[in-house]
Amino acid sequence: MLTKLLAGGGLVAALAASTCCVIPLSLGALGIGGASLSMFSIFAPYQTAFRVAAILMLGVAFWLVYRPPRAEVEGAACAVNPSQQLTKTALWIGAAITGLVVTSGWWERFVA
């Protein structure tokens, strides 16, 4: 449960970090512009906090998902390991978005 919460939180934080820079730039490149893009500027002061939160949550979630399994107790029933495919997918999507947001200072001049 904690892993899913952290993976989802990292994905949301990555999307929040991209609201002030990457989303308006992407929408502008698609031809959507004008006053509709100005509403994203209210998130600009919180950009660094969103980036740090996204990186921390994704880091902890990656550690929880990919850590080595715990040693089983002798004679205990085998633990059921539910599929974590959705969690891993959300985790990698959040990591990709966070990577785009963190590196946007380098590549955004080529898009605009």
PDB file of N, CA and C in Angstrom:
ATOM      1  N   MET A   1       0.822  -1.197   0.000  1.00  0.00           N
ATOM      2  CA  MET A   1       0.000   0.000   0.000  1.00  0.00           C
ATOM      3  C   MET A   1       0.865   1.260   0.000  1.00  0.00           C
ATOM      4  N   LEU A   2       1.900   1.257   0.831  1.00  0.00           N
ATOM      5  CA  LEU A   2       2.791   2.415   0.903  1.00  0.00           C
ATOM      6  C   LEU A   2       3.512   2.628  -0.419  1.00  0.00           C
ATOM      7  N   THR A   3       3.886   1.527  -1.059  1.00  0.00           N
ATOM      8  CA  THR A   3       4.576   1.628  -2.345  1.00  0.00           C
ATOM      9  C   THR A   3       3.691   2.274  -3.389  1.00  0.00           C
ATOM     10  N   LYS A   4       2.427   1.847  -3.449  1.00  0.00           N
ATOM     11  CA  LYS A   4       1.491   2.420  -4.416  1.00  0.00           C
ATOM     12  C   LYS A   4       1.238   3.897  -4.120  1.00  0.00           C
ATOM     13  N   LEU A   5       1.135   4.231  -2.843  1.00  0.00           N
ATOM     14  CA  LEU A   5       0.914   5.628  -2.450  1.00  0.00           C
ATOM     15  C   LEU A   5       2.102   6.496  -2.847  1.00  0.00           C
ATOM     16  N   LEU A   6       3.316   6.003  -2.617  1.00  0.00           N
ATOM     17  CA  LEU A   6       4.502   6.773  -2.977  1.00  0.00           C
ATOM     18  C   LEU A   6       4.674   6.873  -4.489  1.00  0.00           C
ATOM     19  N   ALA A   7       4.372   5.808  -5.210  1.00  0.00           N
ATOM     20  CA  ALA A   7       4.475   5.857  -6.668  1.00  0.00           C
ATOM     21  C   ALA A   7       3.453   6.842  -7.233  1.00  0.00           C
ATOM     22  N   GLY A   8       2.233   6.789  -6.731  1.00  0.00           N
ATOM     23  CA  GLY A   8       1.209   7.745  -7.170  1.00  0.00           C
ATOM     24  C   GLY A   8       1.543   9.166  -6.757  1.00  0.00           C
ATOM     25  N   GLY A   9       2.067   9.336  -5.544  1.00  0.00           N
ATOM     26  CA  GLY A   9       2.470  10.663  -5.085  1.00  0.00           C
ATOM     27  C   GLY A   9       3.614  11.223  -5.911  1.00  0.00           C
ATOM     28  N   GLY A  10       4.546  10.373  -6.278  1.00  0.00           N
ATOM     29  CA  GLY A  10       5.639  10.816  -7.144  1.00  0.00           C
ATOM     30  C   GLY A  10       5.151  11.221  -8.518  1.00  0.00           C
ATOM     31  N   LEU A  11       4.174  10.481  -9.046  1.00  0.00           N
ATOM     32  CA  LEU A  11       3.594  10.821 -10.346  1.00  0.00           C
ATOM     33  C   LEU A  11       2.855  12.151 -10.278  1.00  0.00           C
ATOM     34  N   VAL A  12       2.074  12.358  -9.221  1.00  0.00           N
ATOM     35  CA  VAL A  12       1.351  13.625  -9.053  1.00  0.00           C
ATOM     36  C   VAL A  12       2.324  14.779  -8.844  1.00  0.00           C
ATOM     37  N   ALA A  13       3.360  14.566  -8.041  1.00  0.00           N
ATOM     38  CA  ALA A  13       4.356  15.620  -7.814  1.00  0.00           C
ATOM     39  C   ALA A  13       5.111  15.944  -9.100  1.00  0.00           C
ATOM     40  N   ALA A  14       5.378  14.942  -9.915  1.00  0.00           N
ATOM     41  CA  ALA A  14       6.037  15.185 -11.199  1.00  0.00           C
ATOM     42  C   ALA A  14       5.145  16.014 -12.115  1.00  0.00           C
ATOM     43  N   LEU A  15       3.865  15.703 -12.146  1.00  0.00           N
ATOM     44  CA  LEU A  15       2.931  16.498 -12.949  1.00  0.00           C
ATOM     45  C   LEU A  15       2.805  17.915 -12.405  1.00  0.00           C
ATOM     46  N   ALA A  16       2.786  18.054 -11.082  1.00  0.00           N
ATOM     47  CA  ALA A  16       2.708  19.385 -10.486  1.00  0.00           C
ATOM     48  C   ALA A  16       3.963  20.198 -10.775  1.00  0.00           C
ATOM     49  N   ALA A  17       5.122  19.536 -10.778  1.00  0.00           N
ATOM     50  CA  ALA A  17       6.368  20.241 -11.068  1.00  0.00           C
ATOM     51  C   ALA A  17       6.425  20.717 -12.507  1.00  0.00           C
ATOM     52  N   SER A  18       5.693  20.057 -13.388  1.00  0.00           N
ATOM     53  CA  SER A  18       5.734  20.426 -14.802  1.00  0.00           C
ATOM     54  C   SER A  18       4.700  21.479 -15.174  1.00  0.00           C
ATOM     55  N   THR A  19       3.841  21.888 -14.235  1.00  0.00           N
ATOM     56  CA  THR A  19       2.762  22.813 -14.590  1.00  0.00           C
ATOM     57  C   THR A  19       3.246  24.197 -14.983  1.00  0.00           C
ATOM     58  N   CYS A  20       4.330  24.669 -14.405  1.00  0.00           N
ATOM     59  CA  CYS A  20       4.727  26.047 -14.685  1.00  0.00           C
ATOM     60  C   CYS A  20       5.608  26.180 -15.922  1.00  0.00           C
ATOM     61  N   CYS A  21       6.259  25.123 -16.325  1.00  0.00           N
ATOM     62  CA  CYS A  21       7.218  25.245 -17.433  1.00  0.00           C
ATOM     63  C   CYS A  21       6.942  24.289 -18.586  1.00  0.00           C
ATOM     64  N   VAL A  22       6.909  23.004 -18.303  1.00  0.00           N
ATOM     65  CA  VAL A  22       6.842  22.008 -19.359  1.00  0.00           C
ATOM     66  C   VAL A  22       5.462  21.955 -20.005  1.00  0.00           C
ATOM     67  N   ILE A  23       4.404  21.974 -19.212  1.00  0.00           N
ATOM     68  CA  ILE A  23       3.051  21.905 -19.787  1.00  0.00           C
ATOM     69  C   ILE A  23       2.755  23.106 -20.679  1.00  0.00           C
ATOM     70  N   PRO A  24       2.991  24.359 -20.226  1.00  0.00           N
ATOM     71  CA  PRO A  24       2.743  25.483 -21.142  1.00  0.00           C
ATOM     72  C   PRO A  24       3.618  25.440 -22.389  1.00  0.00           C
ATOM     73  N   LEU A  25       4.867  25.015 -22.237  1.00  0.00           N
ATOM     74  CA  LEU A  25       5.762  24.918 -23.387  1.00  0.00           C
ATOM     75  C   LEU A  25       5.264  23.862 -24.371  1.00  0.00           C
ATOM     76  N   SER A  26       4.829  22.728 -23.850  1.00  0.00           N
ATOM     77  CA  SER A  26       4.310  21.662 -24.711  1.00  0.00           C
ATOM     78  C   SER A  26       3.019  22.087 -25.403  1.00  0.00           C
ATOM     79  N   LEU A  27       2.128  22.719 -24.657  1.00  0.00           N
ATOM     80  CA  LEU A  27       0.869  23.176 -25.259  1.00  0.00           C
ATOM     81  C   LEU A  27       1.120  24.276 -26.286  1.00  0.00           C
ATOM     82  N   GLY A  28       2.082  25.143 -25.999  1.00  0.00           N
ATOM     83  CA  GLY A  28       2.436  26.188 -26.958  1.00  0.00           C
ATOM     84  C   GLY A  28       3.025  25.616 -28.232  1.00  0.00           C
ATOM     85  N   ALA A  29       3.813  24.556 -28.100  1.00  0.00           N
ATOM     86  CA  ALA A  29       4.380  23.901 -29.282  1.00  0.00           C
ATOM     87  C   ALA A  29       3.300  23.226 -30.120  1.00  0.00           C
ATOM     88  N   LEU A  30       2.211  22.820 -29.454  1.00  0.00           N
ATOM     89  CA  LEU A  30       1.085  22.216 -30.170  1.00  0.00           C
ATOM     90  C   LEU A  30       0.157  23.254 -30.800  1.00  0.00           C
ATOM     91  N   GLY A  31       0.409  24.528 -30.513  1.00  0.00           N
ATOM     92  CA  GLY A  31      -0.417  25.588 -31.090  1.00  0.00           C
ATOM     93  C   GLY A  31      -1.494  26.103 -30.160  1.00  0.00           C
ATOM     94  N   ILE A  32      -1.543  25.597 -28.951  1.00  0.00           N
ATOM     95  CA  ILE A  32      -2.518  26.077 -27.976  1.00  0.00           C
ATOM     96  C   ILE A  32      -1.835  27.176 -27.178  1.00  0.00           C
ATOM     97  N   GLY A  33      -2.317  28.363 -27.243  1.00  0.00           N
ATOM     98  CA  GLY A  33      -1.642  29.460 -26.557  1.00  0.00           C
ATOM     99  C   GLY A  33      -2.623  30.465 -26.016  1.00  0.00           C
ATOM    100  N   GLY A  34      -2.082  31.611 -25.697  1.00  0.00           N
ATOM    101  CA  GLY A  34      -2.916  32.704 -25.230  1.00  0.00           C
ATOM    102  C   GLY A  34      -3.138  32.694 -23.739  1.00  0.00           C
ATOM    103  N   ALA A  35      -4.279  33.201 -23.350  1.00  0.00           N
ATOM    104  CA  ALA A  35      -4.589  33.389 -21.938  1.00  0.00           C
ATOM    105  C   ALA A  35      -4.748  32.077 -21.187  1.00  0.00           C
ATOM    106  N   SER A  36      -5.055  31.009 -21.872  1.00  0.00           N
ATOM    107  CA  SER A  36      -5.240  29.737 -21.181  1.00  0.00           C
ATOM    108  C   SER A  36      -3.941  29.231 -20.561  1.00  0.00           C
ATOM    109  N   LEU A  37      -2.802  29.615 -21.110  1.00  0.00           N
ATOM    110  CA  LEU A  37      -1.523  29.178 -20.558  1.00  0.00           C
ATOM    111  C   LEU A  37      -1.052  30.030 -19.385  1.00  0.00           C
ATOM    112  N   SER A  38      -1.608  31.212 -19.221  1.00  0.00           N
ATOM    113  CA  SER A  38      -1.158  32.087 -18.145  1.00  0.00           C
ATOM    114  C   SER A  38      -1.588  31.594 -16.771  1.00  0.00           C
ATOM    115  N   MET A  39      -2.582  30.731 -16.703  1.00  0.00           N
ATOM    116  CA  MET A  39      -3.039  30.245 -15.399  1.00  0.00           C
ATOM    117  C   MET A  39      -2.012  29.331 -14.738  1.00  0.00           C
ATOM    118  N   PHE A  40      -1.085  28.757 -15.498  1.00  0.00           N
ATOM    119  CA  PHE A  40      -0.081  27.873 -14.929  1.00  0.00           C
ATOM    120  C   PHE A  40       1.025  28.637 -14.198  1.00  0.00           C
ATOM    121  N   SER A  41       1.121  29.934 -14.376  1.00  0.00           N
ATOM    122  CA  SER A  41       2.205  30.699 -13.760  1.00  0.00           C
ATOM    123  C   SER A  41       2.049  30.830 -12.247  1.00  0.00           C
ATOM    124  N   ILE A  42       0.879  30.540 -11.694  1.00  0.00           N
ATOM    125  CA  ILE A  42       0.719  30.652 -10.243  1.00  0.00           C
ATOM    126  C   ILE A  42       1.501  29.577  -9.501  1.00  0.00           C
ATOM    127  N   PHE A  43       1.897  28.504 -10.192  1.00  0.00           N
ATOM    128  CA  PHE A  43       2.652  27.432  -9.562  1.00  0.00           C
ATOM    129  C   PHE A  43       4.161  27.659  -9.614  1.00  0.00           C
ATOM    130  N   ALA A  44       4.617  28.688 -10.285  1.00  0.00           N
ATOM    131  CA  ALA A  44       6.051  28.935 -10.466  1.00  0.00           C
ATOM    132  C   ALA A  44       6.831  29.054  -9.153  1.00  0.00           C
ATOM    133  N   PRO A  45       6.327  29.735  -8.112  1.00  0.00           N
ATOM    134  CA  PRO A  45       7.117  29.817  -6.873  1.00  0.00           C
ATOM    135  C   PRO A  45       7.330  28.472  -6.187  1.00  0.00           C
ATOM    136  N   TYR A  46       6.485  27.495  -6.482  1.00  0.00           N
ATOM    137  CA  TYR A  46       6.566  26.186  -5.829  1.00  0.00           C
ATOM    138  C   TYR A  46       7.275  25.138  -6.682  1.00  0.00           C
ATOM    139  N   GLN A  47       7.853  25.551  -7.785  1.00  0.00           N
ATOM    140  CA  GLN A  47       8.473  24.626  -8.728  1.00  0.00           C
ATOM    141  C   GLN A  47       9.562  23.778  -8.076  1.00  0.00           C
ATOM    142  N   THR A  48      10.449  24.378  -7.328  1.00  0.00           N
ATOM    143  CA  THR A  48      11.544  23.636  -6.693  1.00  0.00           C
ATOM    144  C   THR A  48      11.016  22.660  -5.650  1.00  0.00           C
ATOM    145  N   ALA A  49      10.029  23.074  -4.876  1.00  0.00           N
ATOM    146  CA  ALA A  49       9.451  22.182  -3.862  1.00  0.00           C
ATOM    147  C   ALA A  49       8.791  20.975  -4.519  1.00  0.00           C
ATOM    148  N   PHE A  50       8.087  21.189  -5.627  1.00  0.00           N
ATOM    149  CA  PHE A  50       7.467  20.076  -6.340  1.00  0.00           C
ATOM    150  C   PHE A  50       8.526  19.125  -6.893  1.00  0.00           C
ATOM    151  N   ARG A  51       9.613  19.672  -7.412  1.00  0.00           N
ATOM    152  CA  ARG A  51      10.682  18.826  -7.954  1.00  0.00           C
ATOM    153  C   ARG A  51      11.322  17.982  -6.865  1.00  0.00           C
ATOM    154  N   VAL A  52      11.631  18.596  -5.743  1.00  0.00           N
ATOM    155  CA  VAL A  52      12.248  17.870  -4.629  1.00  0.00           C
ATOM    156  C   VAL A  52      11.298  16.792  -4.107  1.00  0.00           C
ATOM    157  N   ALA A  53      10.023  17.135  -3.957  1.00  0.00           N
ATOM    158  CA  ALA A  53       9.037  16.153  -3.484  1.00  0.00           C
ATOM    159  C   ALA A  53       8.923  14.989  -4.456  1.00  0.00           C
ATOM    160  N   ALA A  54       8.905  15.277  -5.740  1.00  0.00           N
ATOM    161  CA  ALA A  54       8.803  14.209  -6.740  1.00  0.00           C
ATOM    162  C   ALA A  54      10.013  13.289  -6.683  1.00  0.00           C
ATOM    163  N   ILE A  55      11.205  13.864  -6.588  1.00  0.00           N
ATOM    164  CA  ILE A  55      12.424  13.054  -6.556  1.00  0.00           C
ATOM    165  C   ILE A  55      12.477  12.198  -5.290  1.00  0.00           C
ATOM    166  N   LEU A  56      12.121  12.774  -4.147  1.00  0.00           N
ATOM    167  CA  LEU A  56      12.138  12.014  -2.897  1.00  0.00           C
ATOM    168  C   LEU A  56      11.116  10.883  -2.904  1.00  0.00           C
ATOM    169  N   MET A  57       9.881  11.187  -3.316  1.00  0.00           N
ATOM    170  CA  MET A  57       8.854  10.152  -3.332  1.00  0.00           C
ATOM    171  C   MET A  57       9.178   9.040  -4.327  1.00  0.00           C
ATOM    172  N   LEU A  58       9.675   9.412  -5.490  1.00  0.00           N
ATOM    173  CA  LEU A  58      10.040   8.397  -6.475  1.00  0.00           C
ATOM    174  C   LEU A  58      11.219   7.562  -5.993  1.00  0.00           C
ATOM    175  N   GLY A  59      12.180   8.192  -5.349  1.00  0.00           N
ATOM    176  CA  GLY A  59      13.330   7.446  -4.828  1.00  0.00           C
ATOM    177  C   GLY A  59      12.922   6.417  -3.788  1.00  0.00           C
ATOM    178  N   VAL A  60      12.080   6.813  -2.846  1.00  0.00           N
ATOM    179  CA  VAL A  60      11.614   5.874  -1.824  1.00  0.00           C
ATOM    180  C   VAL A  60      10.755   4.785  -2.454  1.00  0.00           C
ATOM    181  N   ALA A  61       9.900   5.150  -3.395  1.00  0.00           N
ATOM    182  CA  ALA A  61       9.051   4.155  -4.057  1.00  0.00           C
ATOM    183  C   ALA A  61       9.892   3.151  -4.850  1.00  0.00           C
ATOM    184  N   PHE A  62      10.924   3.625  -5.567  1.00  0.00           N
ATOM    185  CA  PHE A  62      11.814   2.704  -6.282  1.00  0.00           C
ATOM    186  C   PHE A  62      12.491   1.749  -5.302  1.00  0.00           C
ATOM    187  N   TRP A  63      12.924   2.274  -4.172  1.00  0.00           N
ATOM    188  CA  TRP A  63      13.576   1.423  -3.179  1.00  0.00           C
ATOM    189  C   TRP A  63      12.604   0.371  -2.655  1.00  0.00           C
ATOM    190  N   LEU A  64      11.357   0.754  -2.370  1.00  0.00           N
ATOM    191  CA  LEU A  64      10.380  -0.196  -1.854  1.00  0.00           C
ATOM    192  C   LEU A  64       9.997  -1.254  -2.890  1.00  0.00           C
ATOM    193  N   VAL A  65       9.905  -0.874  -4.148  1.00  0.00           N
ATOM    194  CA  VAL A  65       9.494  -1.820  -5.181  1.00  0.00           C
ATOM    195  C   VAL A  65      10.621  -2.771  -5.557  1.00  0.00           C
ATOM    196  N   TYR A  66      11.841  -2.263  -5.675  1.00  0.00           N
ATOM    197  CA  TYR A  66      12.947  -3.068  -6.185  1.00  0.00           C
ATOM    198  C   TYR A  66      13.908  -3.570  -5.109  1.00  0.00           C
ATOM    199  N   ARG A  67      13.590  -3.417  -3.839  1.00  0.00           N
ATOM    200  CA  ARG A  67      14.486  -3.921  -2.795  1.00  0.00           C
ATOM    201  C   ARG A  67      14.483  -5.445  -2.801  1.00  0.00           C
ATOM    202  N   PRO A  68      15.559  -6.035  -2.307  1.00  0.00           N
ATOM    203  CA  PRO A  68      15.610  -7.503  -2.269  1.00  0.00           C
ATOM    204  C   PRO A  68      14.520  -8.040  -1.340  1.00  0.00           C
ATOM    205  N   PRO A  69      13.968  -9.190  -1.675  1.00  0.00           N
ATOM    206  CA  PRO A  69      12.920  -9.752  -0.817  1.00  0.00           C
ATOM    207  C   PRO A  69      13.481 -10.135   0.550  1.00  0.00           C
ATOM    208  N   ARG A  70      12.633 -10.062   1.536  1.00  0.00           N
ATOM    209  CA  ARG A  70      13.049 -10.438   2.897  1.00  0.00           C
ATOM    210  C   ARG A  70      13.212 -11.953   2.979  1.00  0.00           C
ATOM    211  N   ALA A  71      14.049 -12.369   3.900  1.00  0.00           N
ATOM    212  CA  ALA A  71      14.252 -13.802   4.103  1.00  0.00           C
ATOM    213  C   ALA A  71      12.996 -14.398   4.732  1.00  0.00           C
ATOM    214  N   GLU A  72      12.593 -15.547   4.214  1.00  0.00           N
ATOM    215  CA  GLU A  72      11.407 -16.217   4.730  1.00  0.00           C
ATOM    216  C   GLU A  72      11.758 -16.993   6.001  1.00  0.00           C
ATOM    217  N   VAL A  73      10.817 -17.046   6.916  1.00  0.00           N
ATOM    218  CA  VAL A  73      10.997 -17.809   8.142  1.00  0.00           C
ATOM    219  C   VAL A  73      10.761 -19.284   7.824  1.00  0.00           C
ATOM    220  N   GLU A  74      11.591 -20.142   8.358  1.00  0.00           N
ATOM    221  CA  GLU A  74      11.480 -21.587   8.115  1.00  0.00           C
ATOM    222  C   GLU A  74      10.124 -22.099   8.593  1.00  0.00           C
ATOM    223  N   GLY A  75       9.417 -22.786   7.745  1.00  0.00           N
ATOM    224  CA  GLY A  75       8.136 -23.379   8.109  1.00  0.00           C
ATOM    225  C   GLY A  75       6.946 -22.452   7.956  1.00  0.00           C
ATOM    226  N   ALA A  76       7.185 -21.186   7.622  1.00  0.00           N
ATOM    227  CA  ALA A  76       6.070 -20.253   7.458  1.00  0.00           C
ATOM    228  C   ALA A  76       5.469 -20.425   6.067  1.00  0.00           C
ATOM    229  N   ALA A  77       4.235 -20.031   5.941  1.00  0.00           N
ATOM    230  CA  ALA A  77       3.577 -20.097   4.640  1.00  0.00           C
ATOM    231  C   ALA A  77       4.224 -19.083   3.694  1.00  0.00           C
ATOM    232  N   CYS A  78       4.227 -19.423   2.429  1.00  0.00           N
ATOM    233  CA  CYS A  78       4.819 -18.514   1.442  1.00  0.00           C
ATOM    234  C   CYS A  78       3.988 -17.245   1.340  1.00  0.00           C
ATOM    235  N   ALA A  79       4.673 -16.142   1.334  1.00  0.00           N
ATOM    236  CA  ALA A  79       3.980 -14.860   1.216  1.00  0.00           C
ATOM    237  C   ALA A  79       3.463 -14.696  -0.209  1.00  0.00           C
ATOM    238  N   VAL A  80       2.277 -14.176  -0.315  1.00  0.00           N
ATOM    239  CA  VAL A  80       1.696 -13.921  -1.624  1.00  0.00           C
ATOM    240  C   VAL A  80       2.207 -12.579  -2.105  1.00  0.00           C
ATOM    241  N   ASN A  81       2.829 -12.562  -3.281  1.00  0.00           N
ATOM    242  CA  ASN A  81       3.368 -11.334  -3.835  1.00  0.00           C
ATOM    243  C   ASN A  81       2.462 -10.888  -4.978  1.00  0.00           C
ATOM    244  N   PRO A  82       1.581  -9.928  -4.717  1.00  0.00           N
ATOM    245  CA  PRO A  82       0.686  -9.487  -5.781  1.00  0.00           C
ATOM    246  C   PRO A  82       1.463  -8.803  -6.902  1.00  0.00           C
ATOM    247  N   SER A  83       0.896  -8.809  -8.066  1.00  0.00           N
ATOM    248  CA  SER A  83       1.549  -8.191  -9.213  1.00  0.00           C
ATOM    249  C   SER A  83       1.731  -6.702  -8.971  1.00  0.00           C
ATOM    250  N   GLN A  84       2.903  -6.224  -9.219  1.00  0.00           N
ATOM    251  CA  GLN A  84       3.201  -4.812  -9.027  1.00  0.00           C
ATOM    252  C   GLN A  84       3.363  -4.107 -10.366  1.00  0.00           C
ATOM    253  N   GLN A  85       2.775  -4.669 -11.411  1.00  0.00           N
ATOM    254  CA  GLN A  85       2.954  -4.111 -12.748  1.00  0.00           C
ATOM    255  C   GLN A  85       2.410  -2.680 -12.840  1.00  0.00           C
ATOM    256  N   LEU A  86       1.228  -2.424 -12.288  1.00  0.00           N
ATOM    257  CA  LEU A  86       0.647  -1.078 -12.331  1.00  0.00           C
ATOM    258  C   LEU A  86       1.496  -0.094 -11.533  1.00  0.00           C
ATOM    259  N   THR A  87       1.980  -0.528 -10.383  1.00  0.00           N
ATOM    260  CA  THR A  87       2.827   0.332  -9.555  1.00  0.00           C
ATOM    261  C   THR A  87       4.135   0.656 -10.274  1.00  0.00           C
ATOM    262  N   LYS A  88       4.739  -0.353 -10.892  1.00  0.00           N
ATOM    263  CA  LYS A  88       5.994  -0.122 -11.607  1.00  0.00           C
ATOM    264  C   LYS A  88       5.778   0.777 -12.819  1.00  0.00           C
ATOM    265  N   THR A  89       4.647   0.612 -13.499  1.00  0.00           N
ATOM    266  CA  THR A  89       4.347   1.462 -14.646  1.00  0.00           C
ATOM    267  C   THR A  89       4.186   2.917 -14.220  1.00  0.00           C
ATOM    268  N   ALA A  90       3.406   3.155 -13.159  1.00  0.00           N
ATOM    269  CA  ALA A  90       3.237   4.523 -12.648  1.00  0.00           C
ATOM    270  C   ALA A  90       4.555   5.096 -12.170  1.00  0.00           C
ATOM    271  N   LEU A  91       5.368   4.262 -11.565  1.00  0.00           N
ATOM    272  CA  LEU A  91       6.670   4.691 -11.070  1.00  0.00           C
ATOM    273  C   LEU A  91       7.578   5.137 -12.206  1.00  0.00           C
ATOM    274  N   TRP A  92       7.642   4.363 -13.272  1.00  0.00           N
ATOM    275  CA  TRP A  92       8.500   4.716 -14.398  1.00  0.00           C
ATOM    276  C   TRP A  92       7.955   5.909 -15.176  1.00  0.00           C
ATOM    277  N   ILE A  93       6.633   6.052 -15.277  1.00  0.00           N
ATOM    278  CA  ILE A  93       6.052   7.235 -15.927  1.00  0.00           C
ATOM    279  C   ILE A  93       6.393   8.482 -15.119  1.00  0.00           C
ATOM    280  N   GLY A  94       6.251   8.387 -13.798  1.00  0.00           N
ATOM    281  CA  GLY A  94       6.609   9.515 -12.942  1.00  0.00           C
ATOM    282  C   GLY A  94       8.083   9.864 -13.036  1.00  0.00           C
ATOM    283  N   ALA A  95       8.931   8.849 -13.125  1.00  0.00           N
ATOM    284  CA  ALA A  95      10.369   9.096 -13.257  1.00  0.00           C
ATOM    285  C   ALA A  95      10.691   9.756 -14.594  1.00  0.00           C
ATOM    286  N   ALA A  96      10.020   9.336 -15.659  1.00  0.00           N
ATOM    287  CA  ALA A  96      10.254   9.950 -16.973  1.00  0.00           C
ATOM    288  C   ALA A  96       9.799  11.403 -16.987  1.00  0.00           C
ATOM    289  N   ILE A  97       8.628  11.677 -16.416  1.00  0.00           N
ATOM    290  CA  ILE A  97       8.141  13.060 -16.366  1.00  0.00           C
ATOM    291  C   ILE A  97       9.057  13.908 -15.497  1.00  0.00           C
ATOM    292  N   THR A  98       9.480  13.372 -14.356  1.00  0.00           N
ATOM    293  CA  THR A  98      10.388  14.117 -13.489  1.00  0.00           C
ATOM    294  C   THR A  98      11.713  14.380 -14.194  1.00  0.00           C
ATOM    295  N   GLY A  99      12.212  13.402 -14.937  1.00  0.00           N
ATOM    296  CA  GLY A  99      13.436  13.609 -15.697  1.00  0.00           C
ATOM    297  C   GLY A  99      13.292  14.707 -16.732  1.00  0.00           C
ATOM    298  N   LEU A 100      12.143  14.739 -17.412  1.00  0.00           N
ATOM    299  CA  LEU A 100      11.888  15.819 -18.376  1.00  0.00           C
ATOM    300  C   LEU A 100      11.814  17.178 -17.696  1.00  0.00           C
ATOM    301  N   VAL A 101      11.171  17.221 -16.542  1.00  0.00           N
ATOM    302  CA  VAL A 101      11.023  18.495 -15.828  1.00  0.00           C
ATOM    303  C   VAL A 101      12.370  18.993 -15.317  1.00  0.00           C
ATOM    304  N   VAL A 102      13.149  18.100 -14.721  1.00  0.00           N
ATOM    305  CA  VAL A 102      14.428  18.508 -14.144  1.00  0.00           C
ATOM    306  C   VAL A 102      15.406  18.956 -15.231  1.00  0.00           C
ATOM    307  N   THR A 103      15.357  18.334 -16.391  1.00  0.00           N
ATOM    308  CA  THR A 103      16.272  18.696 -17.475  1.00  0.00           C
ATOM    309  C   THR A 103      15.679  19.714 -18.446  1.00  0.00           C
ATOM    310  N   SER A 104      14.516  20.251 -18.156  1.00  0.00           N
ATOM    311  CA  SER A 104      13.858  21.171 -19.098  1.00  0.00           C
ATOM    312  C   SER A 104      14.679  22.429 -19.363  1.00  0.00           C
ATOM    313  N   GLY A 105      15.502  22.849 -18.419  1.00  0.00           N
ATOM    314  CA  GLY A 105      16.335  24.021 -18.636  1.00  0.00           C
ATOM    315  C   GLY A 105      17.323  23.839 -19.778  1.00  0.00           C
ATOM    316  N   TRP A 106      17.706  22.608 -20.044  1.00  0.00           N
ATOM    317  CA  TRP A 106      18.668  22.315 -21.105  1.00  0.00           C
ATOM    318  C   TRP A 106      18.008  22.176 -22.462  1.00  0.00           C
ATOM    319  N   TRP A 107      16.848  21.553 -22.536  1.00  0.00           N
ATOM    320  CA  TRP A 107      16.261  21.237 -23.835  1.00  0.00           C
ATOM    321  C   TRP A 107      15.130  22.155 -24.263  1.00  0.00           C
ATOM    322  N   GLU A 108      14.600  22.986 -23.378  1.00  0.00           N
ATOM    323  CA  GLU A 108      13.435  23.785 -23.746  1.00  0.00           C
ATOM    324  C   GLU A 108      13.765  24.851 -24.795  1.00  0.00           C
ATOM    325  N   ARG A 109      15.012  25.282 -24.884  1.00  0.00           N
ATOM    326  CA  ARG A 109      15.368  26.297 -25.888  1.00  0.00           C
ATOM    327  C   ARG A 109      15.303  25.743 -27.316  1.00  0.00           C
ATOM    328  N   PHE A 110      15.396  24.414 -27.448  1.00  0.00           N
ATOM    329  CA  PHE A 110      15.311  23.801 -28.758  1.00  0.00           C
ATOM    330  C   PHE A 110      13.862  23.614 -29.230  1.00  0.00           C
ATOM    331  N   VAL A 111      12.927  23.610 -28.302  1.00  0.00           N
ATOM    332  CA  VAL A 111      11.519  23.391 -28.612  1.00  0.00           C
ATOM    333  C   VAL A 111      10.836  24.704 -28.978  1.00  0.00           C
ATOM    334  N   ALA A 112      11.148  25.750 -28.245  1.00  0.00           N
ATOM    335  CA  ALA A 112      10.462  27.029 -28.428  1.00  0.00           C
ATOM    336  C   ALA A 112      10.930  27.751 -29.675  1.00  0.00           C
TER     337      ALA A 112
END
